[in-house]
Amino acid sequence: MRRADREELLEAYREYEESRQKIGFRELLLVTLIVAVILALFLPKVYLANEIYYTSRKINKLLDQYEILREENRLLKQRLEQQRFKNQVLDTIF
């Protein structure tokens, strides 16, 4: 490649770089404001969705424990009734 060709190529590149549009302060501020508005709109929704999810998990866990305790209470009542019956039968024998 000749020196003149290189100089011509370098000059064309410099002209290209100068003609490129640079981002100004207004454009940067506009993009920042748009991003801030989008975040302000969507972050509360994400927060609420997460809170609802974790609260429903706690509720389901408590409901499971409630069902277990209800079944255990039923079994204890049944055992108590059996003991009462056994006690009554034994009392009549002696």
C-alpha atoms as a PDB file:
ATOM      1  CA  MET A   1       0.000   0.000   0.000  1.00  0.00           C
ATOM      2  CA  ARG A   2       1.421   3.334  -0.970  1.00  0.00           C
ATOM      3  CA  ARG A   3       1.901   6.210   1.407  1.00  0.00           C
ATOM      4  CA  ALA A   4      -0.592   8.368  -0.482  1.00  0.00           C
ATOM      5  CA  ASP A   5      -3.225   5.628  -0.242  1.00  0.00           C
ATOM      6  CA  ARG A   6      -2.640   5.339   3.477  1.00  0.00           C
ATOM      7  CA  GLU A   7      -2.908   9.076   3.936  1.00  0.00           C
ATOM      8  CA  GLU A   8      -6.113   9.112   1.918  1.00  0.00           C
ATOM      9  CA  LEU A   9      -7.562   6.252   3.970  1.00  0.00           C
ATOM     10  CA  LEU A  10      -6.552   7.958   7.223  1.00  0.00           C
ATOM     11  CA  GLU A  11      -8.139  11.214   6.070  1.00  0.00           C
ATOM     12  CA  ALA A  12     -11.367   9.407   5.150  1.00  0.00           C
ATOM     13  CA  TYR A  13     -11.437   7.781   8.588  1.00  0.00           C
ATOM     14  CA  ARG A  14     -10.925  11.151  10.314  1.00  0.00           C
ATOM     15  CA  GLU A  15     -13.766  12.665   8.317  1.00  0.00           C
ATOM     16  CA  TYR A  16     -15.972   9.734   9.249  1.00  0.00           C
ATOM     17  CA  GLU A  17     -15.148  10.134  12.942  1.00  0.00           C
ATOM     18  CA  GLU A  18     -15.900  13.861  12.811  1.00  0.00           C
ATOM     19  CA  SER A  19     -19.205  13.302  11.048  1.00  0.00           C
ATOM     20  CA  ARG A  20     -20.404  10.731  13.555  1.00  0.00           C
ATOM     21  CA  GLN A  21     -23.080  12.091  15.812  1.00  0.00           C
ATOM     22  CA  LYS A  22     -22.088  12.114  19.452  1.00  0.00           C
ATOM     23  CA  ILE A  23     -24.525  11.662  22.323  1.00  0.00           C
ATOM     24  CA  GLY A  24     -25.303  14.991  23.922  1.00  0.00           C
ATOM     25  CA  PHE A  25     -26.285  15.854  27.444  1.00  0.00           C
ATOM     26  CA  ARG A  26     -29.976  16.231  26.528  1.00  0.00           C
ATOM     27  CA  GLU A  27     -30.155  12.753  24.995  1.00  0.00           C
ATOM     28  CA  LEU A  28     -28.391  11.248  27.991  1.00  0.00           C
ATOM     29  CA  LEU A  29     -30.750  13.045  30.376  1.00  0.00           C
ATOM     30  CA  LEU A  30     -33.788  11.923  28.373  1.00  0.00           C
ATOM     31  CA  VAL A  31     -32.702   8.278  28.422  1.00  0.00           C
ATOM     32  CA  THR A  32     -31.987   8.485  32.149  1.00  0.00           C
ATOM     33  CA  LEU A  33     -35.435   9.935  32.831  1.00  0.00           C
ATOM     34  CA  ILE A  34     -37.130   7.262  30.721  1.00  0.00           C
ATOM     35  CA  VAL A  35     -35.301   4.497  32.575  1.00  0.00           C
ATOM     36  CA  ALA A  36     -36.191   6.100  35.924  1.00  0.00           C
ATOM     37  CA  VAL A  37     -39.888   6.290  34.983  1.00  0.00           C
ATOM     38  CA  ILE A  38     -39.911   2.665  33.820  1.00  0.00           C
ATOM     39  CA  LEU A  39     -38.269   1.549  37.059  1.00  0.00           C
ATOM     40  CA  ALA A  40     -40.699   3.646  39.106  1.00  0.00           C
ATOM     41  CA  LEU A  41     -43.600   1.926  37.360  1.00  0.00           C
ATOM     42  CA  PHE A  42     -42.399  -1.667  37.469  1.00  0.00           C
ATOM     43  CA  LEU A  43     -40.481  -1.993  40.752  1.00  0.00           C
ATOM     44  CA  PRO A  44     -43.607  -1.689  42.949  1.00  0.00           C
ATOM     45  CA  LYS A  45     -45.332  -4.360  40.852  1.00  0.00           C
ATOM     46  CA  VAL A  46     -42.396  -6.730  41.256  1.00  0.00           C
ATOM     47  CA  TYR A  47     -42.233  -6.012  44.985  1.00  0.00           C
ATOM     48  CA  LEU A  48     -45.943  -6.649  45.462  1.00  0.00           C
ATOM     49  CA  ALA A  49     -45.828  -9.834  43.403  1.00  0.00           C
ATOM     50  CA  ASN A  50     -42.977 -11.146  45.569  1.00  0.00           C
ATOM     51  CA  GLU A  51     -44.786 -10.204  48.775  1.00  0.00           C
ATOM     52  CA  ILE A  52     -47.959 -11.939  47.624  1.00  0.00           C
ATOM     53  CA  TYR A  53     -45.987 -15.052  46.694  1.00  0.00           C
ATOM     54  CA  TYR A  54     -44.183 -15.303  50.034  1.00  0.00           C
ATOM     55  CA  THR A  55     -47.338 -14.528  52.010  1.00  0.00           C
ATOM     56  CA  SER A  56     -49.241 -17.247  50.156  1.00  0.00           C
ATOM     57  CA  ARG A  57     -46.423 -19.683  50.927  1.00  0.00           C
ATOM     58  CA  LYS A  58     -46.725 -18.838  54.627  1.00  0.00           C
ATOM     59  CA  ILE A  59     -50.500 -19.244  54.478  1.00  0.00           C
ATOM     60  CA  ASN A  60     -50.174 -22.649  52.791  1.00  0.00           C
ATOM     61  CA  LYS A  61     -47.660 -23.760  55.397  1.00  0.00           C
ATOM     62  CA  LEU A  62     -49.987 -22.677  58.202  1.00  0.00           C
ATOM     63  CA  LEU A  63     -52.933 -24.426  56.553  1.00  0.00           C
ATOM     64  CA  ASP A  64     -50.918 -27.630  56.303  1.00  0.00           C
ATOM     65  CA  GLN A  65     -50.010 -27.390  59.980  1.00  0.00           C
ATOM     66  CA  TYR A  66     -53.664 -26.721  60.836  1.00  0.00           C
ATOM     67  CA  GLU A  67     -54.800 -29.818  58.941  1.00  0.00           C
ATOM     68  CA  ILE A  68     -52.143 -31.924  60.656  1.00  0.00           C
ATOM     69  CA  LEU A  69     -53.191 -30.637  64.073  1.00  0.00           C
ATOM     70  CA  ARG A  70     -56.864 -31.244  63.299  1.00  0.00           C
ATOM     71  CA  GLU A  71     -56.121 -34.841  62.315  1.00  0.00           C
ATOM     72  CA  GLU A  72     -53.977 -35.320  65.404  1.00  0.00           C
ATOM     73  CA  ASN A  73     -56.796 -33.904  67.544  1.00  0.00           C
ATOM     74  CA  ARG A  74     -59.251 -36.332  65.945  1.00  0.00           C
ATOM     75  CA  LEU A  75     -56.925 -39.258  66.658  1.00  0.00           C
ATOM     76  CA  LEU A  76     -56.426 -38.129  70.259  1.00  0.00           C
ATOM     77  CA  LYS A  77     -60.171 -37.856  70.777  1.00  0.00           C
ATOM     78  CA  GLN A  78     -60.581 -41.329  69.330  1.00  0.00           C
ATOM     79  CA  ARG A  79     -57.915 -42.731  71.673  1.00  0.00           C
ATOM     80  CA  LEU A  80     -59.520 -40.933  74.612  1.00  0.00           C
ATOM     81  CA  GLU A  81     -62.879 -42.460  73.746  1.00  0.00           C
ATOM     82  CA  GLN A  82     -61.263 -45.897  73.538  1.00  0.00           C
ATOM     83  CA  GLN A  83     -59.650 -45.382  76.940  1.00  0.00           C
ATOM     84  CA  ARG A  84     -62.964 -44.276  78.436  1.00  0.00           C
ATOM     85  CA  PHE A  85     -64.706 -47.298  76.989  1.00  0.00           C
ATOM     86  CA  LYS A  86     -61.951 -49.603  78.254  1.00  0.00           C
ATOM     87  CA  ASN A  87     -62.144 -47.964  81.664  1.00  0.00           C
ATOM     88  CA  GLN A  88     -65.919 -48.416  81.823  1.00  0.00           C
ATOM     89  CA  VAL A  89     -65.653 -52.049  80.795  1.00  0.00           C
ATOM     90  CA  LEU A  90     -62.935 -52.721  83.350  1.00  0.00           C
ATOM     91  CA  ASP A  91     -64.953 -50.958  86.066  1.00  0.00           C
ATOM     92  CA  THR A  92     -67.930 -53.173  85.424  1.00  0.00           C
ATOM     93  CA  ILE A  93     -65.831 -56.320  85.619  1.00  0.00           C
ATOM     94  CA  PHE A  94     -64.313 -55.456  89.016  1.00  0.00           C
END
